[in-house]
Amino acid sequence: MVQIKIGFTGNRYGLRPDQVEQIKDILDNYNDIIVSHGDCVGSDTDFHKLCINYKKEHLDKKISIHIFPPNDPKLRAFNQADILMEEKPYLERNLNIIKNSSILIACPIDKNKEELRSGTWSTIRKARKLKIPIHLF
């Protein structure tokens, strides 16, 4: 069984229903999955809950949730991880998520409108530079 490492980055407002379905479609393709996210309110937490529920519904799959928390707790959600990494500044934490990912799922507010001063878009740009395949929803 080949293991896939899926990193996640998203906006602080949460996932839309179409994004949830697209993420499930990706998870359907693998049986041994490590998912990583940054533990913020909004999309990270929606992704976390989606993965918890997916794990319960697919007992035949191995899914491990790794959290890379920010060192600033202001927007942190404090979700329960299988593995909790060391707290780091946002940009460093985002880079660590990418470096520990085979692919990146990115859910910005608008996938067609790149924003400056956006952690999600910063993460997408870094992943592109490192040639990490990105699923942009």
C-alpha atoms as a PDB file:
ATOM      1  CA  MET A   1       0.000   0.000   0.000  1.00  0.00           C
ATOM      2  CA  VAL A   2       1.526   3.300  -1.123  1.00  0.00           C
ATOM      3  CA  GLN A   3       1.291   6.139   1.343  1.00  0.00           C
ATOM      4  CA  ILE A   4       0.212   9.614   0.181  1.00  0.00           C
ATOM      5  CA  LYS A   5       0.900  12.790   2.130  1.00  0.00           C
ATOM      6  CA  ILE A   6      -1.782  15.416   1.542  1.00  0.00           C
ATOM      7  CA  GLY A   7      -1.224  18.961   2.760  1.00  0.00           C
ATOM      8  CA  PHE A   8      -4.119  21.380   3.136  1.00  0.00           C
ATOM      9  CA  THR A   9      -4.388  25.159   3.088  1.00  0.00           C
ATOM     10  CA  GLY A  10      -7.589  27.162   3.109  1.00  0.00           C
ATOM     11  CA  ASN A  11      -9.347  30.369   4.032  1.00  0.00           C
ATOM     12  CA  ARG A  12     -10.667  31.267   7.472  1.00  0.00           C
ATOM     13  CA  TYR A  13     -14.321  31.318   6.362  1.00  0.00           C
ATOM     14  CA  GLY A  14     -14.756  27.579   5.801  1.00  0.00           C
ATOM     15  CA  LEU A  15     -15.275  25.066   3.024  1.00  0.00           C
ATOM     16  CA  ARG A  16     -18.084  25.247   0.483  1.00  0.00           C
ATOM     17  CA  PRO A  17     -20.083  22.043  -0.231  1.00  0.00           C
ATOM     18  CA  ASP A  18     -18.454  21.677  -3.673  1.00  0.00           C
ATOM     19  CA  GLN A  19     -14.984  21.850  -2.077  1.00  0.00           C
ATOM     20  CA  VAL A  20     -15.968  19.162   0.448  1.00  0.00           C
ATOM     21  CA  GLU A  21     -17.017  16.838  -2.394  1.00  0.00           C
ATOM     22  CA  GLN A  22     -13.819  17.521  -4.377  1.00  0.00           C
ATOM     23  CA  ILE A  23     -11.702  16.734  -1.298  1.00  0.00           C
ATOM     24  CA  LYS A  24     -13.597  13.473  -0.708  1.00  0.00           C
ATOM     25  CA  ASP A  25     -12.953  12.537  -4.361  1.00  0.00           C
ATOM     26  CA  ILE A  26      -9.211  12.920  -3.746  1.00  0.00           C
ATOM     27  CA  LEU A  27      -9.327  10.880  -0.521  1.00  0.00           C
ATOM     28  CA  ASP A  28     -11.225   8.139  -2.393  1.00  0.00           C
ATOM     29  CA  ASN A  29      -8.124   7.553  -4.539  1.00  0.00           C
ATOM     30  CA  TYR A  30      -5.857   6.466  -1.670  1.00  0.00           C
ATOM     31  CA  ASN A  31      -5.836   3.886   1.135  1.00  0.00           C
ATOM     32  CA  ASP A  32      -2.900   5.010   3.286  1.00  0.00           C
ATOM     33  CA  ILE A  33      -3.152   8.753   3.864  1.00  0.00           C
ATOM     34  CA  ILE A  34      -1.403  11.322   6.011  1.00  0.00           C
ATOM     35  CA  VAL A  35      -3.232  14.654   5.978  1.00  0.00           C
ATOM     36  CA  SER A  36      -1.604  17.810   7.330  1.00  0.00           C
ATOM     37  CA  HIS A  37      -3.159  21.159   8.132  1.00  0.00           C
ATOM     38  CA  GLY A  38      -2.421  24.302  10.124  1.00  0.00           C
ATOM     39  CA  ASP A  39      -5.155  24.072  12.782  1.00  0.00           C
ATOM     40  CA  CYS A  40      -6.845  27.411  12.171  1.00  0.00           C
ATOM     41  CA  VAL A  41     -10.521  28.273  12.407  1.00  0.00           C
ATOM     42  CA  GLY A  42     -12.473  28.022   9.159  1.00  0.00           C
ATOM     43  CA  SER A  43     -11.284  25.740   6.373  1.00  0.00           C
ATOM     44  CA  ASP A  44      -8.585  23.938   8.380  1.00  0.00           C
ATOM     45  CA  THR A  45     -11.182  22.919  10.958  1.00  0.00           C
ATOM     46  CA  ASP A  46     -13.739  21.985   8.267  1.00  0.00           C
ATOM     47  CA  PHE A  47     -11.034  19.860   6.584  1.00  0.00           C
ATOM     48  CA  HIS A  48     -10.155  18.293   9.953  1.00  0.00           C
ATOM     49  CA  LYS A  49     -13.810  17.350  10.629  1.00  0.00           C
ATOM     50  CA  LEU A  50     -14.180  16.038   7.073  1.00  0.00           C
ATOM     51  CA  CYS A  51     -11.128  13.780   7.609  1.00  0.00           C
ATOM     52  CA  ILE A  52     -12.425  12.548  11.006  1.00  0.00           C
ATOM     53  CA  ASN A  53     -15.789  11.640   9.455  1.00  0.00           C
ATOM     54  CA  TYR A  54     -14.155  10.126   6.371  1.00  0.00           C
ATOM     55  CA  LYS A  55     -11.987   7.968   8.669  1.00  0.00           C
ATOM     56  CA  LYS A  56     -15.109   6.684  10.493  1.00  0.00           C
ATOM     57  CA  GLU A  57     -16.897   5.919   7.214  1.00  0.00           C
ATOM     58  CA  HIS A  58     -13.894   4.166   5.597  1.00  0.00           C
ATOM     59  CA  LEU A  59     -12.553   1.750   8.181  1.00  0.00           C
ATOM     60  CA  ASP A  60     -10.588  -0.041   5.438  1.00  0.00           C
ATOM     61  CA  LYS A  61      -8.393   3.048   4.954  1.00  0.00           C
ATOM     62  CA  LYS A  62      -5.505   4.231   7.092  1.00  0.00           C
ATOM     63  CA  ILE A  63      -5.761   7.991   7.735  1.00  0.00           C
ATOM     64  CA  SER A  64      -3.483   9.908  10.082  1.00  0.00           C
ATOM     65  CA  ILE A  65      -4.020  13.606  10.847  1.00  0.00           C
ATOM     66  CA  HIS A  66      -0.907  15.704  11.434  1.00  0.00           C
ATOM     67  CA  ILE A  67      -1.343  19.244  12.709  1.00  0.00           C
ATOM     68  CA  PHE A  68       1.229  21.999  12.189  1.00  0.00           C
ATOM     69  CA  PRO A  69      -0.050  24.674  14.588  1.00  0.00           C
ATOM     70  CA  PRO A  70       0.817  28.376  14.488  1.00  0.00           C
ATOM     71  CA  ASN A  71       2.658  29.875  17.456  1.00  0.00           C
ATOM     72  CA  ASP A  72       0.065  32.669  17.569  1.00  0.00           C
ATOM     73  CA  PRO A  73      -3.114  31.159  19.095  1.00  0.00           C
ATOM     74  CA  LYS A  74      -5.416  33.997  17.929  1.00  0.00           C
ATOM     75  CA  LEU A  75      -6.933  32.020  15.001  1.00  0.00           C
ATOM     76  CA  ARG A  76      -6.035  28.533  16.228  1.00  0.00           C
ATOM     77  CA  ALA A  77      -8.809  25.934  16.567  1.00  0.00           C
ATOM     78  CA  PHE A  78      -7.026  23.387  18.819  1.00  0.00           C
ATOM     79  CA  ASN A  79      -8.242  20.313  16.918  1.00  0.00           C
ATOM     80  CA  GLN A  80      -7.091  16.878  18.125  1.00  0.00           C
ATOM     81  CA  ALA A  81      -4.272  15.457  16.005  1.00  0.00           C
ATOM     82  CA  ASP A  82      -2.833  11.985  15.622  1.00  0.00           C
ATOM     83  CA  ILE A  83       0.512  13.795  15.560  1.00  0.00           C
ATOM     84  CA  LEU A  84       0.948  17.385  16.755  1.00  0.00           C
ATOM     85  CA  MET A  85       4.003  19.197  15.421  1.00  0.00           C
ATOM     86  CA  GLU A  86       5.876  22.020  17.122  1.00  0.00           C
ATOM     87  CA  GLU A  87       4.252  25.464  17.030  1.00  0.00           C
ATOM     88  CA  LYS A  88       5.880  27.775  14.456  1.00  0.00           C
ATOM     89  CA  PRO A  89       5.249  31.222  12.953  1.00  0.00           C
ATOM     90  CA  TYR A  90       2.563  31.060  10.233  1.00  0.00           C
ATOM     91  CA  LEU A  91       4.821  31.235   7.156  1.00  0.00           C
ATOM     92  CA  GLU A  92       7.326  28.737   8.566  1.00  0.00           C
ATOM     93  CA  ARG A  93       4.481  26.423   9.574  1.00  0.00           C
ATOM     94  CA  ASN A  94       2.987  26.655   6.060  1.00  0.00           C
ATOM     95  CA  LEU A  95       6.351  25.781   4.507  1.00  0.00           C
ATOM     96  CA  ASN A  96       6.626  22.740   6.803  1.00  0.00           C
ATOM     97  CA  ILE A  97       3.184  21.548   5.676  1.00  0.00           C
ATOM     98  CA  ILE A  98       4.304  21.779   2.031  1.00  0.00           C
ATOM     99  CA  LYS A  99       7.629  20.046   2.698  1.00  0.00           C
ATOM    100  CA  ASN A 100       5.733  17.160   4.307  1.00  0.00           C
ATOM    101  CA  SER A 101       3.261  16.787   1.417  1.00  0.00           C
ATOM    102  CA  SER A 102       3.168  14.836  -1.833  1.00  0.00           C
ATOM    103  CA  ILE A 103       0.224  16.953  -2.989  1.00  0.00           C
ATOM    104  CA  LEU A 104      -1.477  20.111  -1.718  1.00  0.00           C
ATOM    105  CA  ILE A 105      -5.213  20.756  -1.529  1.00  0.00           C
ATOM    106  CA  ALA A 106      -5.798  24.520  -1.575  1.00  0.00           C
ATOM    107  CA  CYS A 107      -9.156  26.181  -0.904  1.00  0.00           C
ATOM    108  CA  PRO A 108      -8.764  29.964  -1.105  1.00  0.00           C
ATOM    109  CA  ILE A 109     -11.781  32.276  -1.054  1.00  0.00           C
ATOM    110  CA  ASP A 110     -11.661  32.530  -4.882  1.00  0.00           C
ATOM    111  CA  LYS A 111      -9.397  30.145  -6.798  1.00  0.00           C
ATOM    112  CA  ASN A 112      -9.385  32.535  -9.774  1.00  0.00           C
ATOM    113  CA  LYS A 113      -8.293  35.623  -7.822  1.00  0.00           C
ATOM    114  CA  GLU A 114      -4.820  35.437  -6.344  1.00  0.00           C
ATOM    115  CA  GLU A 115      -4.349  37.675  -3.307  1.00  0.00           C
ATOM    116  CA  LEU A 116      -1.256  39.255  -1.860  1.00  0.00           C
ATOM    117  CA  ARG A 117      -0.936  39.125   1.937  1.00  0.00           C
ATOM    118  CA  SER A 118      -2.923  35.884   2.025  1.00  0.00           C
ATOM    119  CA  GLY A 119      -1.439  32.914   3.873  1.00  0.00           C
ATOM    120  CA  THR A 120      -3.331  30.520   1.616  1.00  0.00           C
ATOM    121  CA  TRP A 121      -1.999  32.128  -1.570  1.00  0.00           C
ATOM    122  CA  SER A 122       1.495  32.383  -0.094  1.00  0.00           C
ATOM    123  CA  THR A 123       1.367  28.628   0.550  1.00  0.00           C
ATOM    124  CA  ILE A 124       0.146  27.972  -3.011  1.00  0.00           C
ATOM    125  CA  ARG A 125       3.000  30.068  -4.449  1.00  0.00           C
ATOM    126  CA  LYS A 126       5.569  28.189  -2.330  1.00  0.00           C
ATOM    127  CA  ALA A 127       4.134  24.824  -3.398  1.00  0.00           C
ATOM    128  CA  ARG A 128       4.375  25.884  -7.053  1.00  0.00           C
ATOM    129  CA  LYS A 129       8.047  26.847  -6.585  1.00  0.00           C
ATOM    130  CA  LEU A 130       8.738  23.465  -5.000  1.00  0.00           C
ATOM    131  CA  LYS A 131       6.827  21.694  -7.813  1.00  0.00           C
ATOM    132  CA  ILE A 132       4.275  20.146  -5.425  1.00  0.00           C
ATOM    133  CA  PRO A 133       1.104  19.172  -7.352  1.00  0.00           C
ATOM    134  CA  ILE A 134      -1.791  21.393  -6.271  1.00  0.00           C
ATOM    135  CA  HIS A 135      -5.523  20.691  -6.313  1.00  0.00           C
ATOM    136  CA  LEU A 136      -6.966  24.213  -6.325  1.00  0.00           C
ATOM    137  CA  PHE A 137     -10.669  24.350  -5.410  1.00  0.00           C
END
